[in-house]
Protein backbone atom coordinates (compact mmCIF):
# COMPACT_ATOMS: atom_id res chain seq x y z
CA MET A 1 -28.84 -184.59 -3.39
CA GLY A 2 -27.02 -183.43 -0.27
CA ASP A 3 -27.37 -186.80 1.47
CA ARG A 4 -23.89 -188.09 2.27
CA ASN A 5 -25.18 -191.06 4.33
CA TYR A 6 -25.56 -193.48 1.46
CA VAL A 7 -24.41 -197.03 1.05
CA PRO A 8 -21.87 -197.44 -1.79
CA ASN A 9 -22.99 -199.32 -4.86
CA PRO A 10 -22.37 -203.02 -4.29
CA PRO A 11 -19.20 -204.21 -6.05
CA PHE A 12 -20.59 -207.69 -6.65
CA SER A 13 -23.11 -206.78 -9.36
CA PRO A 14 -21.60 -204.13 -11.64
CA PRO A 15 -23.12 -203.54 -15.05
CA ARG A 16 -20.97 -204.95 -17.77
CA GLN A 17 -19.22 -202.11 -19.55
CA HIS A 18 -18.82 -204.13 -22.72
CA LYS A 19 -22.51 -203.74 -23.55
CA PHE A 20 -21.93 -199.97 -23.65
CA PHE A 21 -18.53 -199.94 -25.38
CA TYR A 22 -18.41 -202.92 -27.72
CA THR A 23 -20.36 -204.83 -30.35
CA PRO A 24 -20.02 -208.38 -31.71
CA VAL A 25 -17.84 -206.92 -34.49
CA TRP A 26 -15.81 -204.53 -32.28
CA THR A 27 -14.59 -206.21 -29.09
CA ALA A 28 -12.45 -205.11 -26.17
CA ALA A 29 -9.41 -206.51 -28.01
CA HIS A 30 -10.15 -204.33 -31.05
CA ASP A 31 -10.59 -201.33 -28.78
CA GLN A 32 -7.30 -201.98 -26.99
CA VAL A 33 -5.24 -202.30 -30.18
CA PHE A 34 -6.92 -199.22 -31.68
CA ILE A 35 -6.40 -197.10 -28.55
CA ASP A 36 -2.80 -198.32 -28.10
CA SER A 37 -2.02 -197.33 -31.69
CA LEU A 38 -3.54 -193.88 -31.20
CA TRP A 39 -1.62 -193.50 -27.93
CA ASP A 40 1.66 -194.46 -29.63
CA GLN A 41 0.95 -191.92 -32.36
CA THR A 42 0.26 -189.27 -29.71
CA MET A 43 3.67 -190.01 -28.20
CA GLY A 44 5.22 -189.75 -31.66
CA GLY A 45 3.54 -186.41 -32.36
CA SER A 46 1.19 -187.65 -35.09
CA ILE A 47 -1.87 -186.60 -33.11
CA GLN A 48 -2.02 -182.90 -32.43
CA ASP A 49 -2.70 -181.15 -29.16
CA GLY A 50 -6.37 -181.39 -28.33
CA GLY A 51 -6.94 -184.82 -29.75
CA VAL A 52 -7.24 -183.87 -33.42
CA ILE A 53 -6.90 -187.26 -35.04
CA SER A 54 -5.81 -186.93 -38.64
CA ASP A 55 -6.90 -189.22 -41.46
CA GLU A 56 -3.34 -190.57 -41.50
CA ALA A 57 -3.42 -191.40 -37.78
CA LEU A 58 -6.81 -193.09 -38.19
CA GLN A 59 -5.49 -195.08 -41.16
CA ARG A 60 -2.44 -196.25 -39.15
CA ALA A 61 -4.60 -197.27 -36.17
CA THR A 62 -6.93 -199.17 -38.53
CA GLU A 63 -3.98 -200.93 -40.17
CA GLN A 64 -2.70 -201.94 -36.73
CA VAL A 65 -6.09 -203.45 -35.77
CA ASN A 66 -6.19 -205.31 -39.10
CA LEU A 67 -2.64 -206.60 -38.69
CA VAL A 68 -2.88 -207.71 -35.07
CA LEU A 69 -6.42 -209.10 -35.13
CA LYS A 70 -6.54 -210.33 -38.75
CA GLU A 71 -9.40 -208.01 -39.69
CA SER A 72 -10.24 -206.00 -42.80
CA PHE A 73 -11.64 -202.72 -41.47
CA THR A 74 -11.33 -199.49 -43.42
CA ALA A 75 -10.50 -196.14 -41.86
CA ASN A 76 -14.00 -194.92 -42.75
CA GLN A 77 -15.52 -197.83 -40.81
CA ASN A 78 -13.44 -196.84 -37.78
CA ARG A 79 -14.17 -193.10 -37.92
CA PRO A 80 -17.29 -193.58 -35.71
CA ARG A 81 -15.02 -195.41 -33.23
CA VAL A 82 -13.10 -192.17 -32.67
CA GLN A 83 -16.38 -190.41 -31.91
CA LYS A 84 -17.33 -193.17 -29.45
CA LEU A 85 -13.95 -192.80 -27.72
CA ARG A 86 -14.56 -189.05 -27.49
CA GLU A 87 -18.02 -189.68 -25.98
CA ARG A 88 -16.51 -192.06 -23.41
CA TYR A 89 -13.83 -189.52 -22.56
CA GLU A 90 -16.26 -186.62 -22.20
CA THR A 91 -18.81 -188.63 -20.20
CA PHE A 92 -16.30 -190.02 -17.71
CA ARG A 93 -14.47 -186.71 -17.43
CA TYR A 94 -17.76 -185.01 -16.55
CA LEU A 95 -18.72 -187.70 -14.03
CA ILE A 96 -15.46 -187.55 -12.10
CA SER A 97 -15.75 -183.77 -11.93
CA CYS A 98 -19.08 -184.09 -10.06
CA LEU A 99 -18.84 -183.70 -6.29
CA GLU A 100 -21.16 -186.65 -5.74
CA VAL A 101 -18.85 -189.10 -7.50
CA TYR A 102 -15.86 -190.64 -5.79
CA TRP A 103 -13.42 -192.27 -8.19
CA ASP A 104 -10.61 -194.40 -6.82
CA ARG A 105 -8.09 -194.22 -9.62
CA TRP A 106 -5.96 -197.07 -8.27
CA ASP A 107 -8.65 -199.72 -8.40
CA ASN A 108 -10.69 -197.79 -10.99
CA THR A 109 -13.97 -197.92 -9.07
CA THR A 110 -16.63 -195.23 -8.83
CA THR A 111 -19.10 -194.60 -6.03
CA ALA A 112 -22.04 -192.20 -5.89
CA PRO A 113 -25.59 -192.15 -4.50
CA SER A 114 -28.09 -194.16 -6.54
CA ALA A 115 -30.20 -191.01 -7.07
CA PHE A 116 -27.20 -189.43 -8.80
CA TRP A 117 -26.84 -192.37 -11.20
CA GLU A 118 -30.56 -192.26 -11.96
CA ARG A 119 -30.34 -188.57 -12.91
CA MET A 120 -27.17 -189.03 -14.93
CA THR A 121 -28.41 -192.02 -16.92
CA LEU A 122 -31.57 -190.15 -17.84
CA ALA A 123 -29.44 -187.33 -19.22
CA ASN A 124 -26.78 -189.58 -20.76
CA PRO A 125 -27.33 -193.37 -20.94
CA LEU A 126 -23.56 -193.92 -21.33
CA ALA A 127 -23.12 -192.75 -17.71
CA LYS A 128 -24.55 -196.14 -16.63
CA ALA A 129 -21.32 -197.76 -17.86
CA TYR A 130 -19.43 -195.94 -15.11
CA GLU A 131 -21.79 -196.69 -12.23
CA HIS A 132 -19.27 -199.02 -10.60
CA PHE A 133 -16.07 -198.73 -12.61
CA GLY A 134 -14.11 -196.05 -14.39
CA ASP A 135 -13.13 -196.25 -18.03
CA PRO A 136 -10.68 -199.13 -18.55
CA ASN A 137 -8.64 -196.94 -20.92
CA TRP A 138 -8.95 -193.62 -19.10
CA THR A 139 -5.23 -192.83 -19.04
CA ALA A 140 -4.91 -193.40 -22.78
CA LEU A 141 -8.10 -191.46 -23.61
CA LEU A 142 -6.87 -188.60 -21.46
CA ALA A 143 -3.51 -188.60 -23.22
CA ILE A 144 -5.01 -188.79 -26.71
CA LEU A 145 -7.97 -186.43 -26.40
CA ASP A 146 -7.18 -183.85 -23.71
CA HIS A 147 -4.98 -181.00 -24.94
CA LEU A 148 -4.31 -179.82 -21.38
CA VAL A 149 -2.48 -183.00 -20.42
CA TYR A 150 -0.54 -183.49 -23.66
CA PRO A 151 2.78 -182.45 -22.05
CA THR A 152 2.33 -185.09 -19.35
CA VAL A 153 1.63 -187.99 -21.71
CA LEU A 154 5.03 -189.57 -21.10
CA MET A 155 4.54 -189.42 -17.34
CA LEU A 156 1.11 -191.07 -17.66
CA ARG A 157 2.55 -193.81 -19.88
CA LEU A 158 5.39 -194.50 -17.43
CA GLU A 159 2.97 -194.53 -14.49
CA HIS A 160 0.71 -196.99 -16.33
CA MET A 161 3.69 -199.20 -17.19
CA SER A 162 4.97 -199.25 -13.60
CA MET A 163 1.47 -200.08 -12.27
CA THR A 164 1.18 -202.91 -14.80
CA MET A 165 4.62 -204.21 -13.89
CA GLU A 166 3.85 -204.01 -10.18
CA LEU A 167 0.55 -205.84 -10.59
CA SER A 168 2.13 -208.57 -12.68
CA GLY A 169 5.06 -209.01 -10.30
CA LEU A 170 7.63 -207.83 -12.85
CA TRP A 171 8.51 -204.74 -10.85
CA THR A 172 9.86 -206.72 -7.89
CA THR A 173 11.86 -209.05 -10.12
CA MET A 174 13.46 -206.13 -11.97
CA ALA A 175 14.27 -204.06 -8.85
């Protein structure tokens, strides 16, 4: 537990997060559209402080998924999705609060001793999804579900946009 002389988890063989987050019916694309819609509604004030997602907000997010991805989900079918997002948020939030975990937020990688991951995955199998990488939608989940950061949602969105622009080369062409 106190051993700080460990070798980081190898980056070349990370577990695939999609087996923890997605199903054949609900893919990463579905997740992204759903989360983006909830994030936009948070910015617009439709989702209350603390991540209380109303039936109306869930209906709008479902409609957005159906429109963009040509699906026919109902809000009731997507209600468990909100719970899964909450589980992802709570699991990753707990992990990055542990002293044994180092999370590099810029490249979204996590490092911890293998004994730590063994203990965590026994307690919560979802922790295995974060053994090498953070949550791909952490900023959005934080903005949607954490009432303490609600006032900083705009800053997080702008930071995410500037990082995306910088990575895609748009930032240098616009400057």
